[in-house]
PDB file of N, CA and C in Angstrom:
ATOM      1  N   MET A   1       0.852  -1.179   0.000  1.00  0.00           N
ATOM      2  CA  MET A   1       0.000   0.000   0.000  1.00  0.00           C
ATOM      3  C   MET A   1       0.893   1.236   0.000  1.00  0.00           C
ATOM      4  N   ASP A   2       0.528   2.217  -0.774  1.00  0.00           N
ATOM      5  CA  ASP A   2       1.283   3.448  -0.887  1.00  0.00           C
ATOM      6  C   ASP A   2       1.307   4.186   0.447  1.00  0.00           C
ATOM      7  N   GLU A   3       2.450   4.790   0.784  1.00  0.00           N
ATOM      8  CA  GLU A   3       2.596   5.490   2.068  1.00  0.00           C
ATOM      9  C   GLU A   3       1.627   6.664   2.204  1.00  0.00           C
ATOM     10  N   SER A   4       1.343   7.351   1.105  1.00  0.00           N
ATOM     11  CA  SER A   4       0.410   8.484   1.197  1.00  0.00           C
ATOM     12  C   SER A   4      -1.009   8.016   1.505  1.00  0.00           C
ATOM     13  N   ILE A   5      -1.378   6.809   1.056  1.00  0.00           N
ATOM     14  CA  ILE A   5      -2.700   6.274   1.360  1.00  0.00           C
ATOM     15  C   ILE A   5      -2.749   5.789   2.801  1.00  0.00           C
ATOM     16  N   ARG A   6      -1.716   5.072   3.244  1.00  0.00           N
ATOM     17  CA  ARG A   6      -1.692   4.556   4.615  1.00  0.00           C
ATOM     18  C   ARG A   6      -1.662   5.671   5.642  1.00  0.00           C
ATOM     19  N   LYS A   7      -1.084   6.787   5.298  1.00  0.00           N
ATOM     20  CA  LYS A   7      -0.961   7.891   6.233  1.00  0.00           C
ATOM     21  C   LYS A   7      -2.318   8.505   6.576  1.00  0.00           C
ATOM     22  N   ARG A   8      -3.300   8.343   5.715  1.00  0.00           N
ATOM     23  CA  ARG A   8      -4.609   8.954   5.933  1.00  0.00           C
ATOM     24  C   ARG A   8      -5.579   8.060   6.674  1.00  0.00           C
ATOM     25  N   TRP A   9      -5.252   6.811   6.939  1.00  0.00           N
ATOM     26  CA  TRP A   9      -6.192   5.902   7.580  1.00  0.00           C
ATOM     27  C   TRP A   9      -6.402   6.271   9.016  1.00  0.00           C
ATOM     28  N   PRO A  10      -7.564   6.177   9.580  1.00  0.00           N
ATOM     29  CA  PRO A  10      -8.830   5.719   9.026  1.00  0.00           C
ATOM     30  C   PRO A  10      -9.467   6.789   8.128  1.00  0.00           C
ATOM     31  N   PRO A  11     -10.092   6.382   7.034  1.00  0.00           N
ATOM     32  CA  PRO A  11     -10.682   7.359   6.108  1.00  0.00           C
ATOM     33  C   PRO A  11     -11.940   8.003   6.685  1.00  0.00           C
ATOM     34  N   ALA A  12     -12.331   9.100   6.088  1.00  0.00           N
ATOM     35  CA  ALA A  12     -13.496   9.857   6.568  1.00  0.00           C
ATOM     36  C   ALA A  12     -14.776   9.026   6.470  1.00  0.00           C
ATOM     37  N   GLY A  13     -14.882   8.175   5.490  1.00  0.00           N
ATOM     38  CA  GLY A  13     -16.067   7.332   5.363  1.00  0.00           C
ATOM     39  C   GLY A  13     -16.204   6.351   6.514  1.00  0.00           C
ATOM     40  N   LEU A  14     -15.084   5.862   7.017  1.00  0.00           N
ATOM     41  CA  LEU A  14     -15.127   4.960   8.160  1.00  0.00           C
ATOM     42  C   LEU A  14     -15.570   5.704   9.412  1.00  0.00           C
ATOM     43  N   TRP A  15     -15.105   6.927   9.578  1.00  0.00           N
ATOM     44  CA  TRP A  15     -15.561   7.751  10.701  1.00  0.00           C
ATOM     45  C   TRP A  15     -17.077   7.918  10.642  1.00  0.00           C
ATOM     46  N   ALA A  16     -17.593   8.230   9.475  1.00  0.00           N
ATOM     47  CA  ALA A  16     -19.039   8.426   9.324  1.00  0.00           C
ATOM     48  C   ALA A  16     -19.796   7.139   9.608  1.00  0.00           C
ATOM     49  N   LEU A  17     -19.287   6.024   9.133  1.00  0.00           N
ATOM     50  CA  LEU A  17     -19.951   4.741   9.357  1.00  0.00           C
ATOM     51  C   LEU A  17     -19.955   4.362  10.842  1.00  0.00           C
ATOM     52  N   VAL A  18     -18.820   4.504  11.501  1.00  0.00           N
ATOM     53  CA  VAL A  18     -18.719   4.118  12.909  1.00  0.00           C
ATOM     54  C   VAL A  18     -19.582   5.018  13.787  1.00  0.00           C
ATOM     55  N   LEU A  19     -19.445   6.317  13.649  1.00  0.00           N
ATOM     56  CA  LEU A  19     -20.211   7.230  14.497  1.00  0.00           C
ATOM     57  C   LEU A  19     -21.703   7.187  14.158  1.00  0.00           C
ATOM     58  N   GLY A  20     -22.056   6.984  12.909  1.00  0.00           N
ATOM     59  CA  GLY A  20     -23.463   6.845  12.542  1.00  0.00           C
ATOM     60  C   GLY A  20     -24.083   5.581  13.129  1.00  0.00           C
ATOM     61  N   ALA A  21     -23.339   4.469  13.089  1.00  0.00           N
ATOM     62  CA  ALA A  21     -23.844   3.221  13.660  1.00  0.00           C
ATOM     63  C   ALA A  21     -23.975   3.313  15.172  1.00  0.00           C
ATOM     64  N   ILE A  22     -22.992   3.914  15.813  1.00  0.00           N
ATOM     65  CA  ILE A  22     -23.068   4.089  17.269  1.00  0.00           C
ATOM     66  C   ILE A  22     -24.221   5.010  17.632  1.00  0.00           C
ATOM     67  N   GLY A  23     -24.376   6.083  16.885  1.00  0.00           N
ATOM     68  CA  GLY A  23     -25.474   7.004  17.150  1.00  0.00           C
ATOM     69  C   GLY A  23     -26.831   6.352  16.962  1.00  0.00           C
ATOM     70  N   PHE A  24     -26.963   5.561  15.913  1.00  0.00           N
ATOM     71  CA  PHE A  24     -28.241   4.883  15.678  1.00  0.00           C
ATOM     72  C   PHE A  24     -28.536   3.875  16.782  1.00  0.00           C
ATOM     73  N   CYS A  25     -27.572   3.027  17.080  1.00  0.00           N
ATOM     74  CA  CYS A  25     -27.808   1.976  18.087  1.00  0.00           C
ATOM     75  C   CYS A  25     -28.071   2.562  19.469  1.00  0.00           C
ATOM     76  N   ALA A  26     -27.267   3.536  19.874  1.00  0.00           N
ATOM     77  CA  ALA A  26     -27.463   4.140  21.198  1.00  0.00           C
ATOM     78  C   ALA A  26     -28.764   4.929  21.249  1.00  0.00           C
ATOM     79  N   GLY A  27     -29.094   5.632  20.179  1.00  0.00           N
ATOM     80  CA  GLY A  27     -30.327   6.410  20.157  1.00  0.00           C
ATOM     81  C   GLY A  27     -31.573   5.557  20.001  1.00  0.00           C
ATOM     82  N   PHE A  28     -31.443   4.395  19.402  1.00  0.00           N
ATOM     83  CA  PHE A  28     -32.592   3.517  19.224  1.00  0.00           C
ATOM     84  C   PHE A  28     -32.822   2.649  20.452  1.00  0.00           C
ATOM     85  N   TYR A  29     -31.767   1.977  20.911  1.00  0.00           N
ATOM     86  CA  TYR A  29     -31.915   1.051  22.031  1.00  0.00           C
ATOM     87  C   TYR A  29     -31.782   1.711  23.396  1.00  0.00           C
ATOM     88  N   GLY A  30     -31.088   2.836  23.470  1.00  0.00           N
ATOM     89  CA  GLY A  30     -30.924   3.526  24.746  1.00  0.00           C
ATOM     90  C   GLY A  30     -32.236   3.927  25.394  1.00  0.00           C
ATOM     91  N   PRO A  31     -33.135   4.600  24.683  1.00  0.00           N
ATOM     92  CA  PRO A  31     -34.422   4.944  25.283  1.00  0.00           C
ATOM     93  C   PRO A  31     -35.284   3.732  25.623  1.00  0.00           C
ATOM     94  N   ILE A  32     -35.163   2.660  24.861  1.00  0.00           N
ATOM     95  CA  ILE A  32     -35.935   1.452  25.160  1.00  0.00           C
ATOM     96  C   ILE A  32     -35.507   0.870  26.502  1.00  0.00           C
ATOM     97  N   VAL A  33     -34.204   0.844  26.743  1.00  0.00           N
ATOM     98  CA  VAL A  33     -33.683   0.246  27.976  1.00  0.00           C
ATOM     99  C   VAL A  33     -33.757   1.219  29.152  1.00  0.00           C
ATOM    100  N   LEU A  34     -33.382   2.472  28.930  1.00  0.00           N
ATOM    101  CA  LEU A  34     -33.262   3.426  30.040  1.00  0.00           C
ATOM    102  C   LEU A  34     -34.567   4.128  30.387  1.00  0.00           C
ATOM    103  N   SER A  35     -35.467   4.249  29.434  1.00  0.00           N
ATOM    104  CA  SER A  35     -36.731   4.934  29.675  1.00  0.00           C
ATOM    105  C   SER A  35     -37.855   4.216  28.933  1.00  0.00           C
ATOM    106  N   PRO A  36     -38.259   3.028  29.410  1.00  0.00           N
ATOM    107  CA  PRO A  36     -39.226   2.232  28.660  1.00  0.00           C
ATOM    108  C   PRO A  36     -40.623   2.848  28.572  1.00  0.00           C
ATOM    109  N   GLN A  37     -40.948   3.799  29.428  1.00  0.00           N
ATOM    110  CA  GLN A  37     -42.271   4.421  29.371  1.00  0.00           C
ATOM    111  C   GLN A  37     -42.387   5.445  28.235  1.00  0.00           C
ATOM    112  N   ALA A  38     -41.275   5.840  27.645  1.00  0.00           N
ATOM    113  CA  ALA A  38     -41.301   6.797  26.539  1.00  0.00           C
ATOM    114  C   ALA A  38     -41.645   6.052  25.246  1.00  0.00           C
ATOM    115  N   ASN A  39     -42.798   6.302  24.699  1.00  0.00           N
ATOM    116  CA  ASN A  39     -43.262   5.540  23.541  1.00  0.00           C
ATOM    117  C   ASN A  39     -42.594   5.950  22.232  1.00  0.00           C
ATOM    118  N   GLN A  40     -41.988   7.114  22.169  1.00  0.00           N
ATOM    119  CA  GLN A  40     -41.345   7.554  20.932  1.00  0.00           C
ATOM    120  C   GLN A  40     -39.839   7.613  21.065  1.00  0.00           C
ATOM    121  N   GLY A  41     -39.302   6.918  22.041  1.00  0.00           N
ATOM    122  CA  GLY A  41     -37.866   6.931  22.288  1.00  0.00           C
ATOM    123  C   GLY A  41     -37.002   6.482  21.128  1.00  0.00           C
ATOM    124  N   PRO A  42     -37.317   5.366  20.453  1.00  0.00           N
ATOM    125  CA  PRO A  42     -36.460   4.901  19.364  1.00  0.00           C
ATOM    126  C   PRO A  42     -36.357   5.861  18.179  1.00  0.00           C
ATOM    127  N   LEU A  43     -37.296   6.776  18.064  1.00  0.00           N
ATOM    128  CA  LEU A  43     -37.209   7.757  16.970  1.00  0.00           C
ATOM    129  C   LEU A  43     -35.984   8.646  17.099  1.00  0.00           C
ATOM    130  N   LEU A  44     -35.440   8.753  18.305  1.00  0.00           N
ATOM    131  CA  LEU A  44     -34.216   9.531  18.526  1.00  0.00           C
ATOM    132  C   LEU A  44     -33.083   8.974  17.672  1.00  0.00           C
ATOM    133  N   GLY A  45     -32.909   7.663  17.677  1.00  0.00           N
ATOM    134  CA  GLY A  45     -31.844   7.050  16.903  1.00  0.00           C
ATOM    135  C   GLY A  45     -32.076   7.103  15.407  1.00  0.00           C
ATOM    136  N   ILE A  46     -33.325   6.997  15.008  1.00  0.00           N
ATOM    137  CA  ILE A  46     -33.634   6.969  13.581  1.00  0.00           C
ATOM    138  C   ILE A  46     -33.461   8.335  12.934  1.00  0.00           C
ATOM    139  N   PHE A  47     -33.946   9.375  13.605  1.00  0.00           N
ATOM    140  CA  PHE A  47     -33.979  10.693  12.967  1.00  0.00           C
ATOM    141  C   PHE A  47     -32.919  11.678  13.444  1.00  0.00           C
ATOM    142  N   ILE A  48     -32.330  11.469  14.615  1.00  0.00           N
ATOM    143  CA  ILE A  48     -31.416  12.483  15.145  1.00  0.00           C
ATOM    144  C   ILE A  48     -30.000  11.945  15.321  1.00  0.00           C
ATOM    145  N   THR A  49     -29.811  10.967  16.202  1.00  0.00           N
ATOM    146  CA  THR A  49     -28.444  10.576  16.557  1.00  0.00           C
ATOM    147  C   THR A  49     -27.754   9.750  15.472  1.00  0.00           C
ATOM    148  N   GLY A  50     -28.484   8.952  14.722  1.00  0.00           N
ATOM    149  CA  GLY A  50     -27.870   8.192  13.629  1.00  0.00           C
ATOM    150  C   GLY A  50     -27.359   9.094  12.513  1.00  0.00           C
ATOM    151  N   PRO A  51     -28.239   9.895  11.904  1.00  0.00           N
ATOM    152  CA  PRO A  51     -27.758  10.817  10.866  1.00  0.00           C
ATOM    153  C   PRO A  51     -26.786  11.874  11.400  1.00  0.00           C
ATOM    154  N   GLY A  52     -27.009  12.323  12.636  1.00  0.00           N
ATOM    155  CA  GLY A  52     -26.085  13.300  13.223  1.00  0.00           C
ATOM    156  C   GLY A  52     -24.697  12.726  13.421  1.00  0.00           C
ATOM    157  N   GLY A  53     -24.631  11.470  13.848  1.00  0.00           N
ATOM    158  CA  GLY A  53     -23.338  10.816  14.011  1.00  0.00           C
ATOM    159  C   GLY A  53     -22.628  10.608  12.690  1.00  0.00           C
ATOM    160  N   ALA A  54     -23.389  10.250  11.666  1.00  0.00           N
ATOM    161  CA  ALA A  54     -22.783  10.066  10.344  1.00  0.00           C
ATOM    162  C   ALA A  54     -22.242  11.389   9.799  1.00  0.00           C
ATOM    163  N   LEU A  55     -23.012  12.446   9.952  1.00  0.00           N
ATOM    164  CA  LEU A  55     -22.551  13.747   9.481  1.00  0.00           C
ATOM    165  C   LEU A  55     -21.362  14.241  10.296  1.00  0.00           C
ATOM    166  N   GLY A  56     -21.442  14.101  11.615  1.00  0.00           N
ATOM    167  CA  GLY A  56     -20.319  14.498  12.461  1.00  0.00           C
ATOM    168  C   GLY A  56     -19.079  13.671  12.208  1.00  0.00           C
ATOM    169  N   GLY A  57     -19.260  12.380  11.965  1.00  0.00           N
ATOM    170  CA  GLY A  57     -18.132  11.519  11.654  1.00  0.00           C
ATOM    171  C   GLY A  57     -17.477  11.879  10.336  1.00  0.00           C
ATOM    172  N   LEU A  58     -18.280  12.262   9.369  1.00  0.00           N
ATOM    173  CA  LEU A  58     -17.728  12.676   8.081  1.00  0.00           C
ATOM    174  C   LEU A  58     -16.895  13.952   8.238  1.00  0.00           C
ATOM    175  N   VAL A  59     -17.395  14.887   9.021  1.00  0.00           N
ATOM    176  CA  VAL A  59     -16.660  16.145   9.256  1.00  0.00           C
ATOM    177  C   VAL A  59     -15.379  15.871  10.036  1.00  0.00           C
ATOM    178  N   LEU A  60     -15.483  15.104  11.127  1.00  0.00           N
ATOM    179  CA  LEU A  60     -14.292  14.797  11.919  1.00  0.00           C
ATOM    180  C   LEU A  60     -13.270  14.004  11.120  1.00  0.00           C
ATOM    181  N   GLY A  61     -13.751  13.050  10.313  1.00  0.00           N
ATOM    182  CA  GLY A  61     -12.837  12.277   9.478  1.00  0.00           C
ATOM    183  C   GLY A  61     -12.102  13.141   8.477  1.00  0.00           C
ATOM    184  N   ALA A  62     -12.806  14.095   7.892  1.00  0.00           N
ATOM    185  CA  ALA A  62     -12.163  15.003   6.935  1.00  0.00           C
ATOM    186  C   ALA A  62     -11.144  15.898   7.627  1.00  0.00           C
ATOM    187  N   ILE A  63     -11.460  16.331   8.836  1.00  0.00           N
ATOM    188  CA  ILE A  63     -10.514  17.175   9.581  1.00  0.00           C
ATOM    189  C   ILE A  63      -9.268  16.377   9.938  1.00  0.00           C
ATOM    190  N   PHE A  64      -9.446  15.179  10.475  1.00  0.00           N
ATOM    191  CA  PHE A  64      -8.300  14.370  10.887  1.00  0.00           C
ATOM    192  C   PHE A  64      -7.494  13.855   9.714  1.00  0.00           C
ATOM    193  N   GLN A  65      -8.076  13.825   8.536  1.00  0.00           N
ATOM    194  CA  GLN A  65      -7.349  13.375   7.357  1.00  0.00           C
ATOM    195  C   GLN A  65      -6.239  14.359   6.993  1.00  0.00           C
ATOM    196  N   TYR A  66      -6.423  15.612   7.313  1.00  0.00           N
ATOM    197  CA  TYR A  66      -5.445  16.627   6.918  1.00  0.00           C
ATOM    198  C   TYR A  66      -4.569  17.112   8.063  1.00  0.00           C
ATOM    199  N   LEU A  67      -4.779  16.588   9.259  1.00  0.00           N
ATOM    200  CA  LEU A  67      -3.909  16.948  10.381  1.00  0.00           C
ATOM    201  C   LEU A  67      -2.619  16.136  10.316  1.00  0.00           C
ATOM    202  N   PRO A  68      -1.507  16.760  10.662  1.00  0.00           N
ATOM    203  CA  PRO A  68      -0.225  16.039  10.592  1.00  0.00           C
ATOM    204  C   PRO A  68       0.025  15.193  11.846  1.00  0.00           C
ATOM    205  N   ILE A  69      -0.772  14.150  12.039  1.00  0.00           N
ATOM    206  CA  ILE A  69      -0.594  13.260  13.181  1.00  0.00           C
ATOM    207  C   ILE A  69      -0.457  11.829  12.680  1.00  0.00           C
ATOM    208  N   SER A  70       0.042  10.975  13.534  1.00  0.00           N
ATOM    209  CA  SER A  70       0.300   9.597  13.131  1.00  0.00           C
ATOM    210  C   SER A  70      -1.003   8.820  12.960  1.00  0.00           C
ATOM    211  N   THR A  71      -0.883   7.699  12.278  1.00  0.00           N
ATOM    212  CA  THR A  71      -2.042   6.848  12.045  1.00  0.00           C
ATOM    213  C   THR A  71      -2.577   6.287  13.351  1.00  0.00           C
ATOM    214  N   ALA A  72      -1.684   5.941  14.267  1.00  0.00           N
ATOM    215  CA  ALA A  72      -2.118   5.407  15.559  1.00  0.00           C
ATOM    216  C   ALA A  72      -2.938   6.442  16.332  1.00  0.00           C
ATOM    217  N   ARG A  73      -2.529   7.677  16.276  1.00  0.00           N
ATOM    218  CA  ARG A  73      -3.293   8.740  16.955  1.00  0.00           C
ATOM    219  C   ARG A  73      -4.657   8.952  16.308  1.00  0.00           C
ATOM    220  N   ARG A  74      -4.755   8.762  15.027  1.00  0.00           N
ATOM    221  CA  ARG A  74      -6.056   8.903  14.344  1.00  0.00           C
ATOM    222  C   ARG A  74      -7.017   7.811  14.779  1.00  0.00           C
ATOM    223  N   TRP A  75      -6.501   6.580  14.918  1.00  0.00           N
ATOM    224  CA  TRP A  75      -7.345   5.491  15.407  1.00  0.00           C
ATOM    225  C   TRP A  75      -7.761   5.749  16.846  1.00  0.00           C
ATOM    226  N   GLN A  76      -6.849   6.287  17.651  1.00  0.00           N
ATOM    227  CA  GLN A  76      -7.189   6.634  19.030  1.00  0.00           C
ATOM    228  C   GLN A  76      -8.246   7.724  19.069  1.00  0.00           C
ATOM    229  N   ALA A  77      -8.140   8.693  18.191  1.00  0.00           N
ATOM    230  CA  ALA A  77      -9.130   9.770  18.134  1.00  0.00           C
ATOM    231  C   ALA A  77     -10.506   9.231  17.736  1.00  0.00           C
ATOM    232  N   LEU A  78     -10.540   8.277  16.808  1.00  0.00           N
ATOM    233  CA  LEU A  78     -11.808   7.652  16.422  1.00  0.00           C
ATOM    234  C   LEU A  78     -12.415   6.900  17.602  1.00  0.00           C
ATOM    235  N   LEU A  79     -11.598   6.185  18.343  1.00  0.00           N
ATOM    236  CA  LEU A  79     -12.089   5.462  19.512  1.00  0.00           C
ATOM    237  C   LEU A  79     -12.614   6.419  20.575  1.00  0.00           C
ATOM    238  N   ILE A  80     -11.887   7.472  20.849  1.00  0.00           N
ATOM    239  CA  ILE A  80     -12.311   8.443  21.858  1.00  0.00           C
ATOM    240  C   ILE A  80     -13.589   9.150  21.427  1.00  0.00           C
ATOM    241  N   ALA A  81     -13.672   9.539  20.167  1.00  0.00           N
ATOM    242  CA  ALA A  81     -14.888  10.199  19.677  1.00  0.00           C
ATOM    243  C   ALA A  81     -16.088   9.264  19.769  1.00  0.00           C
ATOM    244  N   SER A  82     -15.880   7.994  19.487  1.00  0.00           N
ATOM    245  CA  SER A  82     -16.973   7.018  19.563  1.00  0.00           C
ATOM    246  C   SER A  82     -17.470   6.841  20.991  1.00  0.00           C
ATOM    247  N   VAL A  83     -16.550   6.725  21.928  1.00  0.00           N
ATOM    248  CA  VAL A  83     -16.937   6.532  23.331  1.00  0.00           C
ATOM    249  C   VAL A  83     -17.631   7.771  23.879  1.00  0.00           C
ATOM    250  N   VAL A  84     -17.109   8.942  23.562  1.00  0.00           N
ATOM    251  CA  VAL A  84     -17.723  10.190  24.039  1.00  0.00           C
ATOM    252  C   VAL A  84     -19.116  10.357  23.451  1.00  0.00           C
ATOM    253  N   TYR A  85     -19.284  10.052  22.177  1.00  0.00           N
ATOM    254  CA  TYR A  85     -20.593  10.164  21.531  1.00  0.00           C
ATOM    255  C   TYR A  85     -21.586   9.183  22.146  1.00  0.00           C
ATOM    256  N   LEU A  86     -21.140   7.948  22.368  1.00  0.00           N
ATOM    257  CA  LEU A  86     -22.000   6.935  22.968  1.00  0.00           C
ATOM    258  C   LEU A  86     -22.441   7.342  24.370  1.00  0.00           C
ATOM    259  N   LEU A  87     -21.513   7.769  25.195  1.00  0.00           N
ATOM    260  CA  LEU A  87     -21.855   8.149  26.561  1.00  0.00           C
ATOM    261  C   LEU A  87     -22.731   9.404  26.590  1.00  0.00           C
ATOM    262  N   GLY A  88     -22.503  10.325  25.680  1.00  0.00           N
ATOM    263  CA  GLY A  88     -23.337  11.514  25.606  1.00  0.00           C
ATOM    264  C   GLY A  88     -24.778  11.192  25.254  1.00  0.00           C
ATOM    265  N   ILE A  89     -24.962  10.304  24.297  1.00  0.00           N
ATOM    266  CA  ILE A  89     -26.322   9.911  23.905  1.00  0.00           C
ATOM    267  C   ILE A  89     -27.010   9.188  25.055  1.00  0.00           C
ATOM    268  N   LEU A  90     -26.318   8.259  25.671  1.00  0.00           N
ATOM    269  CA  LEU A  90     -26.933   7.511  26.774  1.00  0.00           C
ATOM    270  C   LEU A  90     -27.243   8.410  27.964  1.00  0.00           C
ATOM    271  N   TYR A  91     -26.418   9.418  28.192  1.00  0.00           N
ATOM    272  CA  TYR A  91     -26.711  10.358  29.282  1.00  0.00           C
ATOM    273  C   TYR A  91     -28.012  11.106  29.017  1.00  0.00           C
ATOM    274  N   PHE A  92     -28.211  11.558  27.791  1.00  0.00           N
ATOM    275  CA  PHE A  92     -29.416  12.309  27.470  1.00  0.00           C
ATOM    276  C   PHE A  92     -30.657  11.420  27.326  1.00  0.00           C
ATOM    277  N   CYS A  93     -30.461  10.110  27.272  1.00  0.00           N
ATOM    278  CA  CYS A  93     -31.597   9.175  27.245  1.00  0.00           C
ATOM    279  C   CYS A  93     -32.137   8.884  28.646  1.00  0.00           C
ATOM    280  N   LEU A  94     -31.388   9.253  29.663  1.00  0.00           N
ATOM    281  CA  LEU A  94     -31.844   8.988  31.019  1.00  0.00           C
ATOM    282  C   LEU A  94     -33.093   9.790  31.327  1.00  0.00           C
ATOM    283  N   PRO A  95     -34.021   9.204  32.101  1.00  0.00           N
ATOM    284  CA  PRO A  95     -35.250   9.942  32.426  1.00  0.00           C
ATOM    285  C   PRO A  95     -34.998  11.074  33.408  1.00  0.00           C
TER     286      PRO A  95
END
């Protein structure tokens, strides 16, 4: 693999996919588990946190693609962003 390609990993599309999937799952299942009396809870994941995570992941991925940091730090940043996003969604799902 070319060094210029490897230097950019993880790509922006992967950021969007990971954060979008985390946003959807946490926003869909979080209200079901944490607040079962809320009848419209899963709509949070479908309409807000899933698409918001994908859009935010695309923006963050594009930003990190052009920063002069190592590939290992980019993977760490993706992991940290995923955990922070997940915990933020679950916090706001609490009754």
